[in-house]
Amino acid sequence: MVSLLDQSKLDYFIEKNPSWIIDNKTIKKEFIFDNFIDAFGFMIKVAFLSEKMEHHPDWQNTYNKVKINLTTHDKGGITSNDIKLAEDIDKLINT
């Protein structure tokens, strides 16, 4: 069963992943690409990843920028699902 993470687990995640920020019961990050096609290609990869996990981001795309907010709506905050998805999204960038 998925439950909300306590502050120490959130702090540990941020320590390991400083490009993500905690904001109002979400973790969020902005990704910047060279152009729209690269940004959209990234979004497609994230879409397949999140569909496989059955955990979907709140996101926004403006030209070469993709802003991703992760939270578990039915739990009212950040869970291990959000952390796992964030880490897997970062792996997409680093491969």
PDB file of N, CA and C in Angstrom:
ATOM      1  N   MET A   1       0.840  -1.187   0.000  1.00  0.00           N
ATOM      2  CA  MET A   1       0.000   0.000   0.000  1.00  0.00           C
ATOM      3  C   MET A   1       0.890   1.258   0.000  1.00  0.00           C
ATOM      4  N   VAL A   2       0.528   2.197  -0.800  1.00  0.00           N
ATOM      5  CA  VAL A   2       1.277   3.444  -0.932  1.00  0.00           C
ATOM      6  C   VAL A   2       0.813   4.425   0.140  1.00  0.00           C
ATOM      7  N   SER A   3       1.780   5.049   0.821  1.00  0.00           N
ATOM      8  CA  SER A   3       1.429   6.048   1.833  1.00  0.00           C
ATOM      9  C   SER A   3       2.309   7.282   1.658  1.00  0.00           C
ATOM     10  N   LEU A   4       1.901   8.363   2.281  1.00  0.00           N
ATOM     11  CA  LEU A   4       2.664   9.608   2.206  1.00  0.00           C
ATOM     12  C   LEU A   4       4.042   9.421   2.828  1.00  0.00           C
ATOM     13  N   LEU A   5       5.032  10.085   2.244  1.00  0.00           N
ATOM     14  CA  LEU A   5       6.390  10.012   2.778  1.00  0.00           C
ATOM     15  C   LEU A   5       6.581  11.038   3.884  1.00  0.00           C
ATOM     16  N   ASP A   6       7.355  10.659   4.880  1.00  0.00           N
ATOM     17  CA  ASP A   6       7.651  11.613   5.942  1.00  0.00           C
ATOM     18  C   ASP A   6       8.767  12.558   5.488  1.00  0.00           C
ATOM     19  N   GLN A   7       8.975  13.603   6.247  1.00  0.00           N
ATOM     20  CA  GLN A   7       9.917  14.658   5.859  1.00  0.00           C
ATOM     21  C   GLN A   7      11.343  14.135   5.692  1.00  0.00           C
ATOM     22  N   SER A   8      11.750  13.187   6.521  1.00  0.00           N
ATOM     23  CA  SER A   8      13.125  12.682   6.404  1.00  0.00           C
ATOM     24  C   SER A   8      13.344  11.959   5.075  1.00  0.00           C
ATOM     25  N   LYS A   9      12.346  11.238   4.597  1.00  0.00           N
ATOM     26  CA  LYS A   9      12.470  10.565   3.296  1.00  0.00           C
ATOM     27  C   LYS A   9      12.465  11.579   2.157  1.00  0.00           C
ATOM     28  N   LEU A  10      11.666  12.620   2.305  1.00  0.00           N
ATOM     29  CA  LEU A  10      11.664  13.680   1.292  1.00  0.00           C
ATOM     30  C   LEU A  10      13.005  14.403   1.272  1.00  0.00           C
ATOM     31  N   ASP A  11      13.537  14.699   2.444  1.00  0.00           N
ATOM     32  CA  ASP A  11      14.849  15.352   2.530  1.00  0.00           C
ATOM     33  C   ASP A  11      15.933  14.494   1.892  1.00  0.00           C
ATOM     34  N   TYR A  12      15.878  13.193   2.126  1.00  0.00           N
ATOM     35  CA  TYR A  12      16.859  12.271   1.549  1.00  0.00           C
ATOM     36  C   TYR A  12      16.757  12.274   0.023  1.00  0.00           C
ATOM     37  N   PHE A  13      15.532  12.246  -0.500  1.00  0.00           N
ATOM     38  CA  PHE A  13      15.339  12.296  -1.954  1.00  0.00           C
ATOM     39  C   PHE A  13      15.942  13.573  -2.533  1.00  0.00           C
ATOM     40  N   ILE A  14      15.668  14.711  -1.920  1.00  0.00           N
ATOM     41  CA  ILE A  14      16.177  15.994  -2.415  1.00  0.00           C
ATOM     42  C   ILE A  14      17.704  16.044  -2.311  1.00  0.00           C
ATOM     43  N   GLU A  15      18.242  15.481  -1.253  1.00  0.00           N
ATOM     44  CA  GLU A  15      19.706  15.434  -1.107  1.00  0.00           C
ATOM     45  C   GLU A  15      20.332  14.646  -2.263  1.00  0.00           C
ATOM     46  N   LYS A  16      19.706  13.544  -2.640  1.00  0.00           N
ATOM     47  CA  LYS A  16      20.206  12.718  -3.747  1.00  0.00           C
ATOM     48  C   LYS A  16      19.871  13.307  -5.118  1.00  0.00           C
ATOM     49  N   ASN A  17      18.813  14.103  -5.198  1.00  0.00           N
ATOM     50  CA  ASN A  17      18.288  14.620  -6.466  1.00  0.00           C
ATOM     51  C   ASN A  17      18.009  16.116  -6.347  1.00  0.00           C
ATOM     52  N   PRO A  18      19.046  16.939  -6.208  1.00  0.00           N
ATOM     53  CA  PRO A  18      18.842  18.357  -5.909  1.00  0.00           C
ATOM     54  C   PRO A  18      18.189  19.173  -7.028  1.00  0.00           C
ATOM     55  N   SER A  19      18.053  18.594  -8.204  1.00  0.00           N
ATOM     56  CA  SER A  19      17.386  19.335  -9.275  1.00  0.00           C
ATOM     57  C   SER A  19      15.860  19.316  -9.139  1.00  0.00           C
ATOM     58  N   TRP A  20      15.346  18.464  -8.266  1.00  0.00           N
ATOM     59  CA  TRP A  20      13.916  18.448  -7.962  1.00  0.00           C
ATOM     60  C   TRP A  20      13.675  19.336  -6.741  1.00  0.00           C
ATOM     61  N   ILE A  21      12.496  19.956  -6.683  1.00  0.00           N
ATOM     62  CA  ILE A  21      12.145  20.785  -5.535  1.00  0.00           C
ATOM     63  C   ILE A  21      10.810  20.312  -4.965  1.00  0.00           C
ATOM     64  N   ILE A  22      10.685  20.461  -3.668  1.00  0.00           N
ATOM     65  CA  ILE A  22       9.409  20.174  -3.010  1.00  0.00           C
ATOM     66  C   ILE A  22       8.639  21.477  -2.927  1.00  0.00           C
ATOM     67  N   ASP A  23       7.384  21.428  -3.378  1.00  0.00           N
ATOM     68  CA  ASP A  23       6.556  22.627  -3.364  1.00  0.00           C
ATOM     69  C   ASP A  23       5.095  22.238  -3.185  1.00  0.00           C
ATOM     70  N   ASN A  24       4.528  22.590  -2.054  1.00  0.00           N
ATOM     71  CA  ASN A  24       3.098  22.412  -1.806  1.00  0.00           C
ATOM     72  C   ASN A  24       2.618  20.992  -2.109  1.00  0.00           C
ATOM     73  N   LYS A  25       3.204  20.012  -1.439  1.00  0.00           N
ATOM     74  CA  LYS A  25       2.812  18.604  -1.546  1.00  0.00           C
ATOM     75  C   LYS A  25       3.095  17.993  -2.916  1.00  0.00           C
ATOM     76  N   THR A  26       4.043  18.578  -3.653  1.00  0.00           N
ATOM     77  CA  THR A  26       4.481  18.016  -4.926  1.00  0.00           C
ATOM     78  C   THR A  26       6.002  18.065  -4.997  1.00  0.00           C
ATOM     79  N   ILE A  27       6.558  17.247  -5.870  1.00  0.00           N
ATOM     80  CA  ILE A  27       7.945  17.433  -6.259  1.00  0.00           C
ATOM     81  C   ILE A  27       7.909  17.891  -7.706  1.00  0.00           C
ATOM     82  N   LYS A  28       8.766  18.844  -8.044  1.00  0.00           N
ATOM     83  CA  LYS A  28       8.693  19.396  -9.389  1.00  0.00           C
ATOM     84  C   LYS A  28      10.079  19.696  -9.941  1.00  0.00           C
ATOM     85  N   LYS A  29      10.111  19.735 -11.274  1.00  0.00           N
ATOM     86  CA  LYS A  29      11.360  20.006 -11.974  1.00  0.00           C
ATOM     87  C   LYS A  29      11.038  20.553 -13.355  1.00  0.00           C
ATOM     88  N   GLU A  30      11.907  21.442 -13.827  1.00  0.00           N
ATOM     89  CA  GLU A  30      11.779  21.959 -15.191  1.00  0.00           C
ATOM     90  C   GLU A  30      12.932  21.413 -16.026  1.00  0.00           C
ATOM     91  N   PHE A  31      12.596  20.873 -17.176  1.00  0.00           N
ATOM     92  CA  PHE A  31      13.567  20.348 -18.120  1.00  0.00           C
ATOM     93  C   PHE A  31      13.622  21.286 -19.317  1.00  0.00           C
ATOM     94  N   ILE A  32      14.826  21.605 -19.775  1.00  0.00           N
ATOM     95  CA  ILE A  32      14.991  22.503 -20.923  1.00  0.00           C
ATOM     96  C   ILE A  32      15.750  21.770 -22.011  1.00  0.00           C
ATOM     97  N   PHE A  33      15.223  21.830 -23.208  1.00  0.00           N
ATOM     98  CA  PHE A  33      15.779  21.133 -24.367  1.00  0.00           C
ATOM     99  C   PHE A  33      16.194  22.142 -25.432  1.00  0.00           C
ATOM    100  N   ASP A  34      16.840  21.652 -26.468  1.00  0.00           N
ATOM    101  CA  ASP A  34      17.291  22.533 -27.544  1.00  0.00           C
ATOM    102  C   ASP A  34      16.138  23.084 -28.376  1.00  0.00           C
ATOM    103  N   ASN A  35      15.036  22.316 -28.468  1.00  0.00           N
ATOM    104  CA  ASN A  35      13.925  22.731 -29.324  1.00  0.00           C
ATOM    105  C   ASN A  35      12.651  21.988 -28.928  1.00  0.00           C
ATOM    106  N   PHE A  36      11.579  22.312 -29.605  1.00  0.00           N
ATOM    107  CA  PHE A  36      10.282  21.712 -29.307  1.00  0.00           C
ATOM    108  C   PHE A  36      10.274  20.217 -29.578  1.00  0.00           C
ATOM    109  N   ILE A  37      10.872  19.772 -30.666  1.00  0.00           N
ATOM    110  CA  ILE A  37      10.868  18.351 -31.018  1.00  0.00           C
ATOM    111  C   ILE A  37      11.544  17.527 -29.921  1.00  0.00           C
ATOM    112  N   ASP A  38      12.673  17.995 -29.412  1.00  0.00           N
ATOM    113  CA  ASP A  38      13.347  17.277 -28.329  1.00  0.00           C
ATOM    114  C   ASP A  38      12.492  17.254 -27.062  1.00  0.00           C
ATOM    115  N   ALA A  39      11.850  18.362 -26.758  1.00  0.00           N
ATOM    116  CA  ALA A  39      10.983  18.426 -25.579  1.00  0.00           C
ATOM    117  C   ALA A  39       9.800  17.477 -25.726  1.00  0.00           C
ATOM    118  N   PHE A  40       9.202  17.475 -26.903  1.00  0.00           N
ATOM    119  CA  PHE A  40       8.045  16.610 -27.134  1.00  0.00           C
ATOM    120  C   PHE A  40       8.457  15.138 -27.141  1.00  0.00           C
ATOM    121  N   GLY A  41       9.620  14.826 -27.705  1.00  0.00           N
ATOM    122  CA  GLY A  41      10.120  13.457 -27.676  1.00  0.00           C
ATOM    123  C   GLY A  41      10.312  12.965 -26.254  1.00  0.00           C
ATOM    124  N   PHE A  42      10.834  13.832 -25.396  1.00  0.00           N
ATOM    125  CA  PHE A  42      10.987  13.521 -23.972  1.00  0.00           C
ATOM    126  C   PHE A  42       9.621  13.253 -23.343  1.00  0.00           C
ATOM    127  N   MET A  43       8.638  14.075 -23.671  1.00  0.00           N
ATOM    128  CA  MET A  43       7.297  13.893 -23.110  1.00  0.00           C
ATOM    129  C   MET A  43       6.708  12.549 -23.521  1.00  0.00           C
ATOM    130  N   ILE A  44       6.963  12.127 -24.744  1.00  0.00           N
ATOM    131  CA  ILE A  44       6.472  10.820 -25.190  1.00  0.00           C
ATOM    132  C   ILE A  44       7.094   9.709 -24.352  1.00  0.00           C
ATOM    133  N   LYS A  45       8.398   9.798 -24.107  1.00  0.00           N
ATOM    134  CA  LYS A  45       9.069   8.793 -23.274  1.00  0.00           C
ATOM    135  C   LYS A  45       8.486   8.773 -21.864  1.00  0.00           C
ATOM    136  N   VAL A  46       8.258   9.954 -21.301  1.00  0.00           N
ATOM    137  CA  VAL A  46       7.675  10.038 -19.957  1.00  0.00           C
ATOM    138  C   VAL A  46       6.255   9.474 -19.961  1.00  0.00           C
ATOM    139  N   ALA A  47       5.511   9.720 -21.032  1.00  0.00           N
ATOM    140  CA  ALA A  47       4.140   9.208 -21.122  1.00  0.00           C
ATOM    141  C   ALA A  47       4.123   7.684 -21.076  1.00  0.00           C
ATOM    142  N   PHE A  48       5.002   7.039 -21.832  1.00  0.00           N
ATOM    143  CA  PHE A  48       5.066   5.580 -21.819  1.00  0.00           C
ATOM    144  C   PHE A  48       5.500   5.062 -20.447  1.00  0.00           C
ATOM    145  N   LEU A  49       6.484   5.707 -19.856  1.00  0.00           N
ATOM    146  CA  LEU A  49       6.974   5.326 -18.535  1.00  0.00           C
ATOM    147  C   LEU A  49       5.873   5.445 -17.490  1.00  0.00           C
ATOM    148  N   SER A  50       5.198   6.578 -17.480  1.00  0.00           N
ATOM    149  CA  SER A  50       4.161   6.798 -16.467  1.00  0.00           C
ATOM    150  C   SER A  50       2.957   5.890 -16.686  1.00  0.00           C
ATOM    151  N   GLU A  51       2.637   5.597 -17.924  1.00  0.00           N
ATOM    152  CA  GLU A  51       1.524   4.681 -18.201  1.00  0.00           C
ATOM    153  C   GLU A  51       1.854   3.283 -17.681  1.00  0.00           C
ATOM    154  N   LYS A  52       3.100   2.857 -17.885  1.00  0.00           N
ATOM    155  CA  LYS A  52       3.537   1.551 -17.389  1.00  0.00           C
ATOM    156  C   LYS A  52       3.441   1.489 -15.865  1.00  0.00           C
ATOM    157  N   MET A  53       3.780   2.605 -15.214  1.00  0.00           N
ATOM    158  CA  MET A  53       3.713   2.665 -13.743  1.00  0.00           C
ATOM    159  C   MET A  53       2.285   2.921 -13.231  1.00  0.00           C
ATOM    160  N   GLU A  54       1.389   3.317 -14.143  1.00  0.00           N
ATOM    161  CA  GLU A  54       0.034   3.736 -13.770  1.00  0.00           C
ATOM    162  C   GLU A  54       0.076   4.879 -12.761  1.00  0.00           C
ATOM    163  N   HIS A  55       1.012   5.795 -13.034  1.00  0.00           N
ATOM    164  CA  HIS A  55       1.171   6.982 -12.175  1.00  0.00           C
ATOM    165  C   HIS A  55       1.551   8.137 -13.093  1.00  0.00           C
ATOM    166  N   HIS A  56       0.689   9.111 -13.219  1.00  0.00           N
ATOM    167  CA  HIS A  56       0.813  10.115 -14.276  1.00  0.00           C
ATOM    168  C   HIS A  56       1.152  11.501 -13.722  1.00  0.00           C
ATOM    169  N   PRO A  57       2.035  12.204 -14.429  1.00  0.00           N
ATOM    170  CA  PRO A  57       2.451  13.531 -13.962  1.00  0.00           C
ATOM    171  C   PRO A  57       1.439  14.617 -14.310  1.00  0.00           C
ATOM    172  N   ASP A  58       1.507  15.698 -13.556  1.00  0.00           N
ATOM    173  CA  ASP A  58       0.900  16.960 -13.990  1.00  0.00           C
ATOM    174  C   ASP A  58       2.044  17.674 -14.690  1.00  0.00           C
ATOM    175  N   TRP A  59       1.823  18.096 -15.929  1.00  0.00           N
ATOM    176  CA  TRP A  59       2.928  18.707 -16.648  1.00  0.00           C
ATOM    177  C   TRP A  59       2.474  19.776 -17.598  1.00  0.00           C
ATOM    178  N   GLN A  60       3.462  20.539 -18.040  1.00  0.00           N
ATOM    179  CA  GLN A  60       3.210  21.650 -18.958  1.00  0.00           C
ATOM    180  C   GLN A  60       4.384  21.724 -19.927  1.00  0.00           C
ATOM    181  N   ASN A  61       4.062  21.987 -21.172  1.00  0.00           N
ATOM    182  CA  ASN A  61       5.097  22.156 -22.188  1.00  0.00           C
ATOM    183  C   ASN A  61       4.917  23.507 -22.850  1.00  0.00           C
ATOM    184  N   THR A  62       6.002  24.273 -22.907  1.00  0.00           N
ATOM    185  CA  THR A  62       6.055  25.519 -23.657  1.00  0.00           C
ATOM    186  C   THR A  62       7.338  25.485 -24.467  1.00  0.00           C
ATOM    187  N   TYR A  63       7.189  25.344 -25.774  1.00  0.00           N
ATOM    188  CA  TYR A  63       8.283  25.237 -26.727  1.00  0.00           C
ATOM    189  C   TYR A  63       9.334  24.228 -26.278  1.00  0.00           C
ATOM    190  N   ASN A  64      10.462  24.662 -25.738  1.00  0.00           N
ATOM    191  CA  ASN A  64      11.549  23.746 -25.397  1.00  0.00           C
ATOM    192  C   ASN A  64      11.600  23.405 -23.907  1.00  0.00           C
ATOM    193  N   LYS A  65      10.573  23.781 -23.155  1.00  0.00           N
ATOM    194  CA  LYS A  65      10.547  23.538 -21.712  1.00  0.00           C
ATOM    195  C   LYS A  65       9.421  22.573 -21.352  1.00  0.00           C
ATOM    196  N   VAL A  66       9.738  21.673 -20.442  1.00  0.00           N
ATOM    197  CA  VAL A  66       8.745  20.761 -19.890  1.00  0.00           C
ATOM    198  C   VAL A  66       8.813  20.881 -18.375  1.00  0.00           C
ATOM    199  N   LYS A  67       7.708  21.276 -17.769  1.00  0.00           N
ATOM    200  CA  LYS A  67       7.615  21.365 -16.312  1.00  0.00           C
ATOM    201  C   LYS A  67       6.805  20.170 -15.825  1.00  0.00           C
ATOM    202  N   ILE A  68       7.376  19.432 -14.875  1.00  0.00           N
ATOM    203  CA  ILE A  68       6.716  18.243 -14.346  1.00  0.00           C
ATOM    204  C   ILE A  68       6.481  18.418 -12.855  1.00  0.00           C
ATOM    205  N   ASN A  69       5.255  18.180 -12.433  1.00  0.00           N
ATOM    206  CA  ASN A  69       4.865  18.157 -11.025  1.00  0.00           C
ATOM    207  C   ASN A  69       4.366  16.755 -10.708  1.00  0.00           C
ATOM    208  N   LEU A  70       4.899  16.182  -9.644  1.00  0.00           N
ATOM    209  CA  LEU A  70       4.484  14.842  -9.242  1.00  0.00           C
ATOM    210  C   LEU A  70       3.880  14.883  -7.845  1.00  0.00           C
ATOM    211  N   THR A  71       2.725  14.286  -7.733  1.00  0.00           N
ATOM    212  CA  THR A  71       2.039  14.120  -6.455  1.00  0.00           C
ATOM    213  C   THR A  71       1.086  12.952  -6.605  1.00  0.00           C
ATOM    214  N   THR A  72       0.696  12.368  -5.509  1.00  0.00           N
ATOM    215  CA  THR A  72      -0.287  11.288  -5.545  1.00  0.00           C
ATOM    216  C   THR A  72      -1.597  11.879  -5.051  1.00  0.00           C
ATOM    217  N   HIS A  73      -2.448  12.222  -5.999  1.00  0.00           N
ATOM    218  CA  HIS A  73      -3.671  12.966  -5.688  1.00  0.00           C
ATOM    219  C   HIS A  73      -4.550  12.256  -4.667  1.00  0.00           C
ATOM    220  N   ASP A  74      -4.731  10.952  -4.831  1.00  0.00           N
ATOM    221  CA  ASP A  74      -5.641  10.260  -3.908  1.00  0.00           C
ATOM    222  C   ASP A  74      -5.073  10.112  -2.496  1.00  0.00           C
ATOM    223  N   LYS A  75      -3.773  10.390  -2.325  1.00  0.00           N
ATOM    224  CA  LYS A  75      -3.161  10.371  -0.988  1.00  0.00           C
ATOM    225  C   LYS A  75      -2.943  11.791  -0.450  1.00  0.00           C
ATOM    226  N   GLY A  76      -3.065  12.781  -1.327  1.00  0.00           N
ATOM    227  CA  GLY A  76      -2.935  14.174  -0.890  1.00  0.00           C
ATOM    228  C   GLY A  76      -1.513  14.632  -0.659  1.00  0.00           C
ATOM    229  N   GLY A  77      -0.561  14.018  -1.361  1.00  0.00           N
ATOM    230  CA  GLY A  77       0.822  14.445  -1.194  1.00  0.00           C
ATOM    231  C   GLY A  77       1.800  13.540  -1.920  1.00  0.00           C
ATOM    232  N   ILE A  78       3.034  13.546  -1.449  1.00  0.00           N
ATOM    233  CA  ILE A  78       4.130  12.843  -2.119  1.00  0.00           C
ATOM    234  C   ILE A  78       4.284  11.439  -1.529  1.00  0.00           C
ATOM    235  N   THR A  79       4.315  10.451  -2.423  1.00  0.00           N
ATOM    236  CA  THR A  79       4.481   9.048  -2.020  1.00  0.00           C
ATOM    237  C   THR A  79       5.697   8.454  -2.726  1.00  0.00           C
ATOM    238  N   SER A  80       5.971   7.209  -2.418  1.00  0.00           N
ATOM    239  CA  SER A  80       7.070   6.502  -3.077  1.00  0.00           C
ATOM    240  C   SER A  80       6.844   6.403  -4.586  1.00  0.00           C
ATOM    241  N   ASN A  81       5.600   6.399  -5.035  1.00  0.00           N
ATOM    242  CA  ASN A  81       5.321   6.392  -6.475  1.00  0.00           C
ATOM    243  C   ASN A  81       5.889   7.639  -7.149  1.00  0.00           C
ATOM    244  N   ASP A  82       5.769   8.767  -6.501  1.00  0.00           N
ATOM    245  CA  ASP A  82       6.284  10.019  -7.056  1.00  0.00           C
ATOM    246  C   ASP A  82       7.810   9.998  -7.119  1.00  0.00           C
ATOM    247  N   ILE A  83       8.428   9.503  -6.067  1.00  0.00           N
ATOM    248  CA  ILE A  83       9.891   9.421  -6.017  1.00  0.00           C
ATOM    249  C   ILE A  83      10.395   8.483  -7.109  1.00  0.00           C
ATOM    250  N   LYS A  84       9.777   7.330  -7.238  1.00  0.00           N
ATOM    251  CA  LYS A  84      10.178   6.342  -8.253  1.00  0.00           C
ATOM    252  C   LYS A  84      10.037   6.938  -9.645  1.00  0.00           C
ATOM    253  N   LEU A  85       8.922   7.593  -9.919  1.00  0.00           N
ATOM    254  CA  LEU A  85       8.726   8.185 -11.238  1.00  0.00           C
ATOM    255  C   LEU A  85       9.748   9.288 -11.493  1.00  0.00           C
ATOM    256  N   ALA A  86      10.022  10.117 -10.512  1.00  0.00           N
ATOM    257  CA  ALA A  86      11.022  11.182 -10.667  1.00  0.00           C
ATOM    258  C   ALA A  86      12.388  10.597 -10.998  1.00  0.00           C
ATOM    259  N   GLU A  87      12.784   9.564 -10.264  1.00  0.00           N
ATOM    260  CA  GLU A  87      14.085   8.944 -10.520  1.00  0.00           C
ATOM    261  C   GLU A  87      14.142   8.309 -11.907  1.00  0.00           C
ATOM    262  N   ASP A  88      13.040   7.678 -12.328  1.00  0.00           N
ATOM    263  CA  ASP A  88      13.003   7.065 -13.657  1.00  0.00           C
ATOM    264  C   ASP A  88      12.995   8.122 -14.763  1.00  0.00           C
ATOM    265  N   ILE A  89      12.339   9.241 -14.519  1.00  0.00           N
ATOM    266  CA  ILE A  89      12.359  10.344 -15.491  1.00  0.00           C
ATOM    267  C   ILE A  89      13.787  10.860 -15.653  1.00  0.00           C
ATOM    268  N   ASP A  90      14.489  11.030 -14.544  1.00  0.00           N
ATOM    269  CA  ASP A  90      15.881  11.493 -14.618  1.00  0.00           C
ATOM    270  C   ASP A  90      16.751  10.512 -15.411  1.00  0.00           C
ATOM    271  N   LYS A  91      16.480   9.223 -15.285  1.00  0.00           N
ATOM    272  CA  LYS A  91      17.236   8.214 -16.037  1.00  0.00           C
ATOM    273  C   LYS A  91      17.029   8.397 -17.542  1.00  0.00           C
ATOM    274  N   LEU A  92      15.845   8.853 -17.953  1.00  0.00           N
ATOM    275  CA  LEU A  92      15.601   9.095 -19.379  1.00  0.00           C
ATOM    276  C   LEU A  92      16.541  10.161 -19.929  1.00  0.00           C
ATOM    277  N   ILE A  93      16.839  11.153 -19.117  1.00  0.00           N
ATOM    278  CA  ILE A  93      17.731  12.248 -19.517  1.00  0.00           C
ATOM    279  C   ILE A  93      19.174  11.781 -19.570  1.00  0.00           C
ATOM    280  N   ASN A  94      19.518  10.909 -18.654  1.00  0.00           N
ATOM    281  CA  ASN A  94      20.917  10.483 -18.518  1.00  0.00           C
ATOM    282  C   ASN A  94      21.283   9.283 -19.365  1.00  0.00           C
ATOM    283  N   THR A  95      20.383   8.848 -20.263  1.00  0.00           N
ATOM    284  CA  THR A  95      20.709   7.696 -21.121  1.00  0.00           C
ATOM    285  C   THR A  95      20.870   8.118 -22.558  1.00  0.00           C
TER     286      THR A  95
END
